[in-house]
Amino acid sequence: MRISLLFVTICFIICSIVSCTDELVRTCAAGAFTTNIKNENLSHGQFRPFDFTTNDQTIYYEYFDSSRVRFKIGRTISNICPFKNVRVSYSALTSENDQPKLFNMIGEISWNTFSSGFGSELLIVNDTILPNFLYQSSDEYDFNGDFGDKMAVVDIFIGIEFNQLNSFQEDSTYFVDHIQNLQIVAEGDLFR
């Protein structure tokens, strides 16, 4: 009798856990998001030093390695369902001007959990770039291992990196003269 009661109790607990997990997956599948960040007609008034405070209308810049500058756009995305992969597509459209400098185009995604922070960079191109050309790349990210059944919050960026010139004014002018458009499209399910 005790074995039968124990068996029934264990079966009940397992069924409860499975149905809870199924419920979470159904809840996540209820809402999808597409984030489209696009900066056209780039102007000098939109530049700010990078500080992880994202705004769709701002182009961030950062200097590093004492000789490199990176300009980037991005956004923080919240309430991401961790049970389904998120697909992020990055694109950059160059201007018609000749591109004499070596450029890196980089897609970035980063997230922070209570235990540690993680991130990933996707190198789109590392070369002199063609004038009037659309560069594109994409990647998929699985957040289940990092967030478990909690909602995921991530920062996504696309950046253009090159050797700095003599001043910020020259760097930003060079960027504006050679990059016509930066775009990120992120697709996934929301956690509800």
C-alpha atoms as a PDB file:
ATOM      1  CA  MET A   1       0.000   0.000   0.000  1.00  0.00           C
ATOM      2  CA  ARG A   2       2.800   2.433   0.902  1.00  0.00           C
ATOM      3  CA  ILE A   3       4.612   1.709  -2.363  1.00  0.00           C
ATOM      4  CA  SER A   4       1.430   2.366  -4.371  1.00  0.00           C
ATOM      5  CA  LEU A   5       0.799   5.643  -2.515  1.00  0.00           C
ATOM      6  CA  LEU A   6       4.438   6.687  -2.990  1.00  0.00           C
ATOM      7  CA  PHE A   7       4.249   5.796  -6.689  1.00  0.00           C
ATOM      8  CA  VAL A   8       1.034   7.822  -7.155  1.00  0.00           C
ATOM      9  CA  THR A   9       2.558  10.794  -5.303  1.00  0.00           C
ATOM     10  CA  ILE A  10       5.713  10.723  -7.444  1.00  0.00           C
ATOM     11  CA  CYS A  11       3.624  10.480 -10.637  1.00  0.00           C
ATOM     12  CA  PHE A  12       1.498  13.428  -9.499  1.00  0.00           C
ATOM     13  CA  ILE A  13       4.603  15.551  -8.801  1.00  0.00           C
ATOM     14  CA  ILE A  14       6.163  14.695 -12.170  1.00  0.00           C
ATOM     15  CA  CYS A  15       2.937  15.496 -14.027  1.00  0.00           C
ATOM     16  CA  SER A  16       2.677  18.813 -12.166  1.00  0.00           C
ATOM     17  CA  ILE A  17       6.230  19.786 -13.121  1.00  0.00           C
ATOM     18  CA  VAL A  18       5.731  18.830 -16.773  1.00  0.00           C
ATOM     19  CA  SER A  19       2.444  20.722 -17.052  1.00  0.00           C
ATOM     20  CA  CYS A  20       4.011  23.798 -15.395  1.00  0.00           C
ATOM     21  CA  THR A  21       6.865  23.760 -17.902  1.00  0.00           C
ATOM     22  CA  ASP A  22       4.399  23.352 -20.790  1.00  0.00           C
ATOM     23  CA  GLU A  23       2.385  26.273 -19.423  1.00  0.00           C
ATOM     24  CA  LEU A  24       5.500  28.489 -19.335  1.00  0.00           C
ATOM     25  CA  VAL A  25       6.349  27.587 -22.934  1.00  0.00           C
ATOM     26  CA  ARG A  26       2.764  28.327 -24.066  1.00  0.00           C
ATOM     27  CA  THR A  27       2.874  31.638 -22.197  1.00  0.00           C
ATOM     28  CA  CYS A  28       6.150  32.573 -23.896  1.00  0.00           C
ATOM     29  CA  ALA A  29       4.872  31.675 -27.350  1.00  0.00           C
ATOM     30  CA  ALA A  30       1.938  34.078 -26.937  1.00  0.00           C
ATOM     31  CA  GLY A  31       3.867  37.242 -27.809  1.00  0.00           C
ATOM     32  CA  ALA A  32       6.584  37.740 -30.395  1.00  0.00           C
ATOM     33  CA  PHE A  33       8.803  40.768 -30.855  1.00  0.00           C
ATOM     34  CA  THR A  34      10.740  42.255 -33.700  1.00  0.00           C
ATOM     35  CA  THR A  35      13.069  45.099 -32.866  1.00  0.00           C
ATOM     36  CA  ASN A  36      14.184  47.190 -35.799  1.00  0.00           C
ATOM     37  CA  ILE A  37      16.841  49.804 -35.018  1.00  0.00           C
ATOM     38  CA  LYS A  38      17.794  51.938 -37.966  1.00  0.00           C
ATOM     39  CA  ASN A  39      19.855  55.110 -38.182  1.00  0.00           C
ATOM     40  CA  GLU A  40      19.545  56.927 -41.473  1.00  0.00           C
ATOM     41  CA  ASN A  41      20.828  60.394 -42.302  1.00  0.00           C
ATOM     42  CA  LEU A  42      23.479  60.234 -39.603  1.00  0.00           C
ATOM     43  CA  SER A  43      24.318  63.614 -38.081  1.00  0.00           C
ATOM     44  CA  HIS A  44      26.935  64.867 -35.623  1.00  0.00           C
ATOM     45  CA  GLY A  45      24.298  65.943 -33.092  1.00  0.00           C
ATOM     46  CA  GLN A  46      23.441  62.331 -32.221  1.00  0.00           C
ATOM     47  CA  PHE A  47      26.859  61.179 -30.881  1.00  0.00           C
ATOM     48  CA  ARG A  48      27.412  60.261 -27.204  1.00  0.00           C
ATOM     49  CA  PRO A  49      30.139  58.409 -25.349  1.00  0.00           C
ATOM     50  CA  PHE A  50      29.135  54.781 -24.813  1.00  0.00           C
ATOM     51  CA  ASP A  51      27.626  54.145 -21.363  1.00  0.00           C
ATOM     52  CA  PHE A  52      25.200  51.171 -21.750  1.00  0.00           C
ATOM     53  CA  THR A  53      22.185  53.528 -21.711  1.00  0.00           C
ATOM     54  CA  THR A  54      20.666  52.720 -25.081  1.00  0.00           C
ATOM     55  CA  ASN A  55      18.490  54.991 -27.157  1.00  0.00           C
ATOM     56  CA  ASP A  56      17.430  54.215 -30.720  1.00  0.00           C
ATOM     57  CA  GLN A  57      18.307  57.719 -31.941  1.00  0.00           C
ATOM     58  CA  THR A  58      21.825  57.878 -30.522  1.00  0.00           C
ATOM     59  CA  ILE A  59      25.119  56.819 -32.047  1.00  0.00           C
ATOM     60  CA  TYR A  60      27.569  55.832 -29.337  1.00  0.00           C
ATOM     61  CA  TYR A  61      31.326  55.963 -29.598  1.00  0.00           C
ATOM     62  CA  GLU A  62      34.180  54.545 -27.591  1.00  0.00           C
ATOM     63  CA  TYR A  63      37.947  54.732 -27.846  1.00  0.00           C
ATOM     64  CA  PHE A  64      40.124  51.768 -26.889  1.00  0.00           C
ATOM     65  CA  ASP A  65      43.528  50.176 -27.457  1.00  0.00           C
ATOM     66  CA  SER A  66      44.905  53.765 -27.681  1.00  0.00           C
ATOM     67  CA  SER A  67      44.365  53.796 -31.435  1.00  0.00           C
ATOM     68  CA  ARG A  68      40.858  52.455 -32.216  1.00  0.00           C
ATOM     69  CA  VAL A  69      37.427  54.059 -32.253  1.00  0.00           C
ATOM     70  CA  ARG A  70      34.066  52.250 -32.476  1.00  0.00           C
ATOM     71  CA  PHE A  71      30.761  53.918 -33.400  1.00  0.00           C
ATOM     72  CA  LYS A  72      27.624  51.882 -32.684  1.00  0.00           C
ATOM     73  CA  ILE A  73      23.854  51.860 -32.293  1.00  0.00           C
ATOM     74  CA  GLY A  74      21.866  49.571 -30.042  1.00  0.00           C
ATOM     75  CA  ARG A  75      19.006  48.809 -27.726  1.00  0.00           C
ATOM     76  CA  THR A  76      18.160  46.960 -24.531  1.00  0.00           C
ATOM     77  CA  ILE A  77      15.486  44.295 -24.991  1.00  0.00           C
ATOM     78  CA  SER A  78      13.588  43.043 -21.923  1.00  0.00           C
ATOM     79  CA  ASN A  79      11.091  40.252 -21.240  1.00  0.00           C
ATOM     80  CA  ILE A  80      12.672  37.797 -23.664  1.00  0.00           C
ATOM     81  CA  CYS A  81      11.447  34.229 -23.340  1.00  0.00           C
ATOM     82  CA  PRO A  82      14.479  32.065 -22.506  1.00  0.00           C
ATOM     83  CA  PHE A  83      12.907  28.880 -23.936  1.00  0.00           C
ATOM     84  CA  LYS A  84      13.240  29.925 -27.579  1.00  0.00           C
ATOM     85  CA  ASN A  85      16.291  31.166 -29.459  1.00  0.00           C
ATOM     86  CA  VAL A  86      16.528  34.825 -30.416  1.00  0.00           C
ATOM     87  CA  ARG A  87      17.691  35.584 -33.956  1.00  0.00           C
ATOM     88  CA  VAL A  88      19.563  38.848 -34.474  1.00  0.00           C
ATOM     89  CA  SER A  89      20.339  40.218 -37.950  1.00  0.00           C
ATOM     90  CA  TYR A  90      22.893  42.987 -38.395  1.00  0.00           C
ATOM     91  CA  SER A  91      23.371  45.146 -41.499  1.00  0.00           C
ATOM     92  CA  ALA A  92      25.427  48.151 -42.552  1.00  0.00           C
ATOM     93  CA  LEU A  93      25.057  50.114 -45.781  1.00  0.00           C
ATOM     94  CA  THR A  94      28.143  51.988 -46.911  1.00  0.00           C
ATOM     95  CA  SER A  95      28.049  55.313 -48.734  1.00  0.00           C
ATOM     96  CA  GLU A  96      29.213  55.955 -52.277  1.00  0.00           C
ATOM     97  CA  ASN A  97      32.527  57.401 -51.030  1.00  0.00           C
ATOM     98  CA  ASP A  98      35.743  55.440 -51.471  1.00  0.00           C
ATOM     99  CA  GLN A  99      36.619  53.417 -48.380  1.00  0.00           C
ATOM    100  CA  PRO A 100      40.418  53.644 -47.955  1.00  0.00           C
ATOM    101  CA  LYS A 101      40.592  52.659 -44.266  1.00  0.00           C
ATOM    102  CA  LEU A 102      40.341  49.154 -42.855  1.00  0.00           C
ATOM    103  CA  PHE A 103      36.949  48.740 -41.113  1.00  0.00           C
ATOM    104  CA  ASN A 104      35.635  46.169 -38.680  1.00  0.00           C
ATOM    105  CA  MET A 105      31.859  45.729 -38.627  1.00  0.00           C
ATOM    106  CA  ILE A 106      30.808  43.983 -35.454  1.00  0.00           C
ATOM    107  CA  GLY A 107      27.486  42.694 -34.148  1.00  0.00           C
ATOM    108  CA  GLU A 108      27.392  42.580 -30.335  1.00  0.00           C
ATOM    109  CA  ILE A 109      25.055  41.093 -27.783  1.00  0.00           C
ATOM    110  CA  SER A 110      25.567  41.117 -24.028  1.00  0.00           C
ATOM    111  CA  TRP A 111      23.598  40.109 -20.978  1.00  0.00           C
ATOM    112  CA  ASN A 112      24.055  40.014 -17.263  1.00  0.00           C
ATOM    113  CA  THR A 113      22.839  37.424 -14.794  1.00  0.00           C
ATOM    114  CA  PHE A 114      23.179  37.520 -11.035  1.00  0.00           C
ATOM    115  CA  SER A 115      26.233  35.281 -11.200  1.00  0.00           C
ATOM    116  CA  SER A 116      28.152  36.921 -14.064  1.00  0.00           C
ATOM    117  CA  GLY A 117      27.959  38.807 -17.349  1.00  0.00           C
ATOM    118  CA  PHE A 118      28.243  37.274 -20.791  1.00  0.00           C
ATOM    119  CA  GLY A 119      28.525  38.514 -24.310  1.00  0.00           C
ATOM    120  CA  SER A 120      29.234  37.612 -27.865  1.00  0.00           C
ATOM    121  CA  GLU A 121      30.701  39.481 -30.807  1.00  0.00           C
ATOM    122  CA  LEU A 122      30.068  38.567 -34.422  1.00  0.00           C
ATOM    123  CA  LEU A 123      32.684  39.899 -36.848  1.00  0.00           C
ATOM    124  CA  ILE A 124      30.773  40.862 -40.000  1.00  0.00           C
ATOM    125  CA  VAL A 125      33.728  42.197 -41.992  1.00  0.00           C
ATOM    126  CA  ASN A 126      37.377  43.020 -41.336  1.00  0.00           C
ATOM    127  CA  ASP A 127      38.663  44.664 -44.499  1.00  0.00           C
ATOM    128  CA  THR A 128      38.467  47.774 -46.610  1.00  0.00           C
ATOM    129  CA  ILE A 129      34.794  47.920 -47.479  1.00  0.00           C
ATOM    130  CA  LEU A 130      33.123  48.401 -50.812  1.00  0.00           C
ATOM    131  CA  PRO A 131      31.334  51.676 -51.587  1.00  0.00           C
ATOM    132  CA  ASN A 132      27.533  51.536 -51.754  1.00  0.00           C
ATOM    133  CA  PHE A 133      27.365  47.962 -50.485  1.00  0.00           C
ATOM    134  CA  LEU A 134      25.051  46.290 -47.964  1.00  0.00           C
ATOM    135  CA  TYR A 135      26.897  44.066 -45.473  1.00  0.00           C
ATOM    136  CA  GLN A 136      24.719  41.603 -43.554  1.00  0.00           C
ATOM    137  CA  SER A 137      25.112  38.823 -41.033  1.00  0.00           C
ATOM    138  CA  SER A 138      22.983  37.089 -38.400  1.00  0.00           C
ATOM    139  CA  ASP A 139      23.270  34.797 -35.420  1.00  0.00           C
ATOM    140  CA  GLU A 140      21.008  32.922 -32.982  1.00  0.00           C
ATOM    141  CA  TYR A 141      21.300  33.039 -29.220  1.00  0.00           C
ATOM    142  CA  ASP A 142      19.996  30.599 -26.610  1.00  0.00           C
ATOM    143  CA  PHE A 143      19.429  32.172 -23.187  1.00  0.00           C
ATOM    144  CA  ASN A 144      17.922  29.176 -21.391  1.00  0.00           C
ATOM    145  CA  GLY A 145      21.217  28.113 -19.841  1.00  0.00           C
ATOM    146  CA  ASP A 146      21.888  31.593 -18.454  1.00  0.00           C
ATOM    147  CA  PHE A 147      18.391  32.660 -17.394  1.00  0.00           C
ATOM    148  CA  GLY A 148      16.622  29.339 -16.743  1.00  0.00           C
ATOM    149  CA  ASP A 149      12.890  30.077 -16.553  1.00  0.00           C
ATOM    150  CA  LYS A 150      13.393  33.800 -15.807  1.00  0.00           C
ATOM    151  CA  MET A 151      12.962  36.523 -18.408  1.00  0.00           C
ATOM    152  CA  ALA A 152      16.095  37.495 -20.323  1.00  0.00           C
ATOM    153  CA  VAL A 153      17.310  41.083 -20.710  1.00  0.00           C
ATOM    154  CA  VAL A 154      19.972  41.728 -23.366  1.00  0.00           C
ATOM    155  CA  ASP A 155      21.759  44.624 -25.053  1.00  0.00           C
ATOM    156  CA  ILE A 156      22.289  44.402 -28.817  1.00  0.00           C
ATOM    157  CA  PHE A 157      24.562  46.626 -30.917  1.00  0.00           C
ATOM    158  CA  ILE A 158      26.110  46.944 -34.342  1.00  0.00           C
ATOM    159  CA  GLY A 159      29.408  48.774 -34.474  1.00  0.00           C
ATOM    160  CA  ILE A 160      31.859  50.165 -36.990  1.00  0.00           C
ATOM    161  CA  GLU A 161      35.460  50.207 -35.803  1.00  0.00           C
ATOM    162  CA  PHE A 162      38.563  51.744 -37.386  1.00  0.00           C
ATOM    163  CA  ASN A 163      41.902  53.328 -36.512  1.00  0.00           C
ATOM    164  CA  GLN A 164      41.260  56.742 -35.042  1.00  0.00           C
ATOM    165  CA  LEU A 165      42.290  59.907 -36.830  1.00  0.00           C
ATOM    166  CA  ASN A 166      43.526  63.094 -35.130  1.00  0.00           C
ATOM    167  CA  SER A 167      40.338  64.154 -33.296  1.00  0.00           C
ATOM    168  CA  PHE A 168      36.771  63.158 -32.496  1.00  0.00           C
ATOM    169  CA  GLN A 169      35.575  65.613 -35.159  1.00  0.00           C
ATOM    170  CA  GLU A 170      37.644  63.842 -37.824  1.00  0.00           C
ATOM    171  CA  ASP A 171      36.600  60.387 -36.583  1.00  0.00           C
ATOM    172  CA  SER A 172      32.878  61.218 -36.565  1.00  0.00           C
ATOM    173  CA  THR A 173      33.074  62.953 -39.950  1.00  0.00           C
ATOM    174  CA  TYR A 174      34.834  59.942 -41.440  1.00  0.00           C
ATOM    175  CA  PHE A 175      32.174  57.638 -39.989  1.00  0.00           C
ATOM    176  CA  VAL A 176      29.285  59.767 -41.329  1.00  0.00           C
ATOM    177  CA  ASP A 177      30.938  60.123 -44.742  1.00  0.00           C
ATOM    178  CA  HIS A 178      31.393  56.370 -45.171  1.00  0.00           C
ATOM    179  CA  ILE A 179      28.436  54.697 -43.423  1.00  0.00           C
ATOM    180  CA  GLN A 180      24.958  55.441 -44.735  1.00  0.00           C
ATOM    181  CA  ASN A 181      22.882  53.186 -42.488  1.00  0.00           C
ATOM    182  CA  LEU A 182      23.192  50.751 -39.578  1.00  0.00           C
ATOM    183  CA  GLN A 183      20.381  48.330 -38.739  1.00  0.00           C
ATOM    184  CA  ILE A 184      19.616  45.566 -36.244  1.00  0.00           C
ATOM    185  CA  VAL A 185      16.577  43.296 -36.388  1.00  0.00           C
ATOM    186  CA  ALA A 186      15.988  40.988 -33.403  1.00  0.00           C
ATOM    187  CA  GLU A 187      13.251  38.344 -33.453  1.00  0.00           C
ATOM    188  CA  GLY A 188      12.079  36.118 -30.637  1.00  0.00           C
ATOM    189  CA  ASP A 189       9.281  35.434 -28.175  1.00  0.00           C
ATOM    190  CA  LEU A 190       8.335  37.565 -25.195  1.00  0.00           C
ATOM    191  CA  PHE A 191       8.015  36.185 -21.697  1.00  0.00           C
ATOM    192  CA  ARG A 192       4.504  36.882 -20.381  1.00  0.00           C
END
